[in-house]
Amino acid sequence: MKPKKIKIDALFISDVHLGSKGSKSKELLTILKKYKPKKLFIVGDFIDGWLLKKRHFWTDNYTSVIKRILSMSKKGCEVVYITGNHDDFLREYTPIKFGNNIKICDEYVWNNYYITHGDLYDGIVKLKWLGKLGSFGYELAITIDMFLKSIGYRKSLSKWAKDKVKNAVKFITNYENQLADEAKKRNCIGVICGHIHKPENKTINGIHYLNCGDWIENNSYIVYTEETNEFKILNNLIQE
């Protein structure tokens, strides 16, 4: 007997990076099967177009994730796909709708929350060539990580490298404060984003800041229940 799906009002995921060797698509699939959301928000970098342009890497699990999302939309779930820097090839066509329940856009306002991937407010990504260089370096670090873990080494090289890079560019941008400011400019009470692979739920200058995290290291996502007006950040290891 199949377990009963958990009904929620909204599910938020970001930074799945289909096309990257580090994408935890199998784990994401379990979450998509676990919940029955009225709305699914994909908050950027769902497909890693930067890496796919350089080399082809695609698994059956990646296809299964896409099929699951299409199935959810056919069953009445509204899917809102917000573009990110790694899937910026879609921005040539946005906003666009597919059928009644799928829309692709660059930003979105929902329930007085500003939803954006966040790359437009990250100084390092505005220098696009440098951002791509970082992407390929990160992919290499993930590949090395997989080998190190296979021989029992527990430290994460990719996490160490990312933390070092992000610390080095702090003088360029204060990402979280910038996004809180952008929400204020739009008269919103909060912002929901991704991009920096750091799940977060906090208040910044009176603005509710939520970051979905990622499906490379954290396997994190956000669920929202209208009845309690509550957002929760979870990962695929945490049971409600």
Protein backbone atom coordinates (compact mmCIF):
# COMPACT_ATOMS: atom_id res chain seq x y z
CA MET A 1 0.00 0.00 0.00
CA LYS A 2 1.38 3.38 -1.06
CA PRO A 3 1.89 5.93 1.74
CA LYS A 4 -0.58 8.80 1.68
CA LYS A 5 0.86 11.99 0.22
CA ILE A 6 1.20 15.00 2.47
CA LYS A 7 -1.04 17.82 1.26
CA ILE A 8 0.59 21.26 1.39
CA ASP A 9 -0.14 24.59 -0.21
CA ALA A 10 3.29 25.22 -1.72
CA LEU A 11 6.60 23.43 -2.25
CA PHE A 12 9.78 25.34 -3.11
CA ILE A 13 12.95 23.83 -4.60
CA SER A 14 15.99 25.44 -6.17
CA ASP A 15 19.44 24.61 -7.54
CA VAL A 16 18.75 21.04 -8.64
CA HIS A 17 21.37 21.39 -11.42
CA LEU A 18 20.16 18.59 -13.68
CA GLY A 19 23.15 17.93 -15.92
CA SER A 20 25.65 18.18 -13.08
CA LYS A 21 27.23 14.99 -11.75
CA GLY A 22 26.51 16.18 -8.23
CA SER A 23 22.74 16.58 -8.65
CA LYS A 24 20.79 14.49 -6.13
CA SER A 25 17.88 13.90 -8.49
CA LYS A 26 16.99 10.50 -7.01
CA GLU A 27 16.57 12.07 -3.56
CA LEU A 28 14.51 14.90 -5.03
CA LEU A 29 12.22 12.38 -6.69
CA THR A 30 11.34 10.92 -3.28
CA ILE A 31 10.27 14.38 -2.11
CA LEU A 32 8.16 15.03 -5.21
CA LYS A 33 6.41 11.71 -4.54
CA LYS A 34 5.98 12.46 -0.83
CA TYR A 35 4.02 15.72 -1.15
CA LYS A 36 0.90 16.87 -2.93
CA PRO A 37 1.33 20.66 -3.27
CA LYS A 38 -1.18 23.03 -4.79
CA LYS A 39 1.78 25.00 -6.14
CA LEU A 40 5.34 23.97 -6.98
CA PHE A 41 7.91 26.76 -7.24
CA ILE A 42 11.19 25.89 -8.99
CA VAL A 43 13.44 28.78 -7.94
CA GLY A 44 16.14 28.65 -10.61
CA ASP A 45 19.08 26.51 -11.71
CA PHE A 46 16.85 23.49 -12.22
CA ILE A 47 18.75 22.58 -15.38
CA ASP A 48 22.49 23.30 -15.54
CA GLY A 49 22.67 24.72 -19.06
CA TRP A 50 26.21 26.00 -18.56
CA LEU A 51 27.57 22.49 -18.04
CA LEU A 52 25.35 20.85 -20.66
CA LYS A 53 26.71 23.25 -23.29
CA LYS A 54 30.21 21.96 -22.57
CA ARG A 55 29.51 18.24 -22.26
CA HIS A 56 26.56 15.88 -22.22
CA PHE A 57 25.68 14.20 -18.93
CA TRP A 58 22.11 13.04 -18.39
CA THR A 59 20.67 10.17 -16.34
CA ASP A 60 17.35 8.35 -16.20
CA ASN A 61 16.71 9.96 -12.81
CA TYR A 62 16.88 13.42 -14.41
CA THR A 63 14.21 12.36 -16.90
CA SER A 64 12.11 10.86 -14.10
CA VAL A 65 12.17 14.16 -12.17
CA ILE A 66 10.91 16.08 -15.21
CA LYS A 67 8.21 13.47 -15.90
CA ARG A 68 7.08 13.64 -12.27
CA ILE A 69 6.73 17.44 -12.41
CA LEU A 70 4.77 17.22 -15.69
CA SER A 71 2.52 14.61 -14.10
CA MET A 72 1.94 16.86 -11.08
CA SER A 73 0.92 19.72 -13.37
CA LYS A 74 -1.54 17.50 -15.26
CA LYS A 75 -3.13 16.58 -11.94
CA GLY A 76 -3.77 20.22 -11.04
CA CYS A 77 -0.55 21.42 -9.38
CA GLU A 78 0.43 24.88 -10.60
CA VAL A 79 4.14 24.88 -11.51
CA VAL A 80 6.03 28.18 -11.53
CA TYR A 81 9.57 27.96 -12.87
CA ILE A 82 11.73 30.99 -12.06
CA THR A 83 14.88 31.14 -14.19
CA GLY A 84 18.40 31.27 -12.75
CA ASN A 85 21.87 31.92 -14.08
CA HIS A 86 22.56 28.28 -15.01
CA ASP A 87 19.28 28.05 -16.94
CA ASP A 88 19.44 31.62 -18.26
CA PHE A 89 18.94 30.28 -21.81
CA LEU A 90 15.23 30.28 -20.95
CA ARG A 91 15.24 34.04 -20.37
CA GLU A 92 15.09 34.63 -24.13
CA TYR A 93 11.54 33.27 -24.06
CA THR A 94 10.13 34.44 -20.71
CA PRO A 95 7.45 34.90 -19.63
CA ILE A 96 5.89 31.84 -21.23
CA LYS A 97 3.08 29.42 -20.34
CA PHE A 98 2.67 25.73 -21.12
CA GLY A 99 -0.93 24.61 -20.92
CA ASN A 100 -2.91 25.75 -17.90
CA ASN A 101 -0.53 24.91 -15.08
CA ILE A 102 3.10 25.62 -16.06
CA LYS A 103 4.62 29.08 -16.36
CA ILE A 104 8.24 30.13 -16.74
CA CYS A 105 9.30 33.62 -15.65
CA ASP A 106 12.32 35.51 -14.35
CA GLU A 107 10.71 36.66 -11.08
CA TYR A 108 7.36 36.28 -9.38
CA VAL A 109 5.31 37.80 -6.56
CA TRP A 110 3.14 35.41 -4.56
CA ASN A 111 1.36 35.98 -1.24
CA ASN A 112 3.30 39.25 -0.91
CA TYR A 113 6.63 37.40 -1.23
CA TYR A 114 9.12 38.30 -3.93
CA ILE A 115 10.45 35.10 -5.55
CA THR A 116 13.73 35.25 -7.49
CA HIS A 117 16.64 32.94 -8.05
CA GLY A 118 18.94 35.72 -6.85
CA ASP A 119 21.75 35.71 -9.40
CA LEU A 120 20.90 39.22 -10.59
CA TYR A 121 21.94 40.51 -7.16
CA ASP A 122 25.20 38.53 -6.88
CA GLY A 123 28.15 40.64 -8.02
CA ILE A 124 30.28 37.65 -9.02
CA VAL A 125 27.61 36.30 -11.40
CA LYS A 126 27.18 39.67 -13.09
CA LEU A 127 30.71 39.03 -14.34
CA LYS A 128 29.36 36.10 -16.37
CA TRP A 129 32.67 34.64 -17.58
CA LEU A 130 33.95 34.51 -14.00
CA GLY A 131 30.74 32.86 -12.83
CA LYS A 132 31.10 30.16 -15.49
CA LEU A 133 34.70 29.54 -14.49
CA GLY A 134 33.51 29.04 -10.92
CA SER A 135 30.79 26.65 -12.13
CA PHE A 136 33.27 24.35 -13.92
CA GLY A 137 35.64 24.45 -10.96
CA TYR A 138 32.78 23.50 -8.65
CA GLU A 139 31.85 20.57 -10.92
CA LEU A 140 35.45 19.33 -10.75
CA ALA A 141 35.42 19.63 -6.95
CA ILE A 142 32.18 17.58 -6.79
CA THR A 143 33.77 14.85 -8.95
CA ILE A 144 36.79 14.74 -6.63
CA ASP A 145 34.42 14.64 -3.64
CA MET A 146 32.67 11.58 -5.02
CA PHE A 147 36.00 9.79 -5.34
CA LEU A 148 37.14 10.82 -1.84
CA LYS A 149 33.88 9.61 -0.31
CA SER A 150 34.22 6.28 -2.13
CA ILE A 151 37.52 5.68 -0.31
CA GLY A 152 36.14 6.77 3.05
CA TYR A 153 37.34 10.40 3.21
CA ARG A 154 34.65 12.53 4.86
CA LYS A 155 35.63 16.18 4.27
CA SER A 156 33.87 18.00 1.44
CA LEU A 157 36.27 19.66 -0.99
CA SER A 158 33.43 21.29 -2.94
CA LYS A 159 31.97 22.84 0.24
CA TRP A 160 35.40 24.07 1.31
CA ALA A 161 36.07 25.56 -2.14
CA LYS A 162 32.65 27.24 -2.30
CA ASP A 163 33.00 28.71 1.18
CA LYS A 164 36.43 30.11 0.31
CA VAL A 165 35.18 31.67 -2.94
CA LYS A 166 32.10 33.16 -1.30
CA ASN A 167 34.18 34.62 1.52
CA ALA A 168 36.55 36.15 -1.02
CA VAL A 169 33.76 38.03 -2.80
CA LYS A 170 31.92 39.33 0.27
CA PHE A 171 33.26 42.83 -0.44
CA ILE A 172 31.50 42.76 -3.86
CA THR A 173 28.02 41.94 -2.61
CA ASN A 174 26.00 41.37 0.50
CA TYR A 175 23.63 38.97 -1.10
CA GLU A 176 21.04 38.52 1.61
CA ASN A 177 20.71 42.21 2.47
CA GLN A 178 20.44 43.08 -1.20
CA LEU A 179 17.57 40.65 -1.70
CA ALA A 180 15.79 41.96 1.39
CA ASP A 181 16.11 45.45 -0.09
CA GLU A 182 14.69 44.24 -3.41
CA ALA A 183 11.67 42.81 -1.59
CA LYS A 184 11.14 46.15 0.17
CA LYS A 185 11.28 48.00 -3.16
CA ARG A 186 8.39 45.82 -4.33
CA ASN A 187 6.42 46.41 -1.11
CA CYS A 188 6.69 42.71 -0.26
CA ILE A 189 6.95 41.25 3.24
CA GLY A 190 9.48 38.60 2.27
CA VAL A 191 11.77 37.14 -0.35
CA ILE A 192 12.25 33.51 -1.42
CA CYS A 193 15.40 32.68 -3.35
CA GLY A 194 18.17 30.17 -4.02
CA HIS A 195 21.49 30.55 -5.86
CA ILE A 196 24.03 30.48 -3.00
CA HIS A 197 23.18 26.90 -1.88
CA LYS A 198 22.63 28.00 1.70
CA PRO A 199 19.20 27.14 3.19
CA GLU A 200 18.00 29.92 5.45
CA ASN A 201 14.90 31.19 7.24
CA LYS A 202 15.36 34.51 9.06
CA THR A 203 14.34 38.16 9.24
CA ILE A 204 16.53 40.86 7.71
CA ASN A 205 15.57 44.49 8.35
CA GLY A 206 11.94 43.51 8.81
CA ILE A 207 11.87 41.30 5.69
CA HIS A 208 11.33 37.55 5.92
CA TYR A 209 14.27 36.01 4.03
CA LEU A 210 13.99 32.40 2.85
CA ASN A 211 16.59 30.51 0.83
CA CYS A 212 15.63 27.09 -0.57
CA GLY A 213 19.18 25.75 -0.47
CA ASP A 214 20.08 23.16 -3.10
CA TRP A 215 20.10 19.54 -4.29
CA ILE A 216 23.88 19.21 -4.49
CA GLU A 217 24.91 19.29 -0.83
CA ASN A 218 21.92 20.15 1.37
CA ASN A 219 19.01 18.37 -0.39
CA SER A 220 16.81 21.08 1.10
CA TYR A 221 13.40 22.46 0.25
CA ILE A 222 10.68 24.69 1.70
CA VAL A 223 7.08 23.75 2.43
CA TYR A 224 4.29 26.23 3.12
CA THR A 225 0.96 25.57 4.85
CA GLU A 226 -1.66 28.28 4.47
CA GLU A 227 -3.69 27.21 7.51
CA THR A 228 -0.81 28.03 9.88
CA ASN A 229 0.85 30.56 7.53
CA GLU A 230 4.10 28.72 8.23
CA PHE A 231 7.19 28.10 6.12
CA LYS A 232 9.46 25.16 7.00
CA ILE A 233 12.90 24.38 5.62
CA LEU A 234 13.47 20.64 5.48
CA ASN A 235 15.77 18.18 3.77
CA ASN A 236 15.17 14.66 2.49
CA LEU A 237 16.53 13.21 5.75
CA ILE A 238 14.10 15.12 8.00
CA GLN A 239 10.67 13.66 8.61
CA GLU A 240 7.74 15.91 9.46
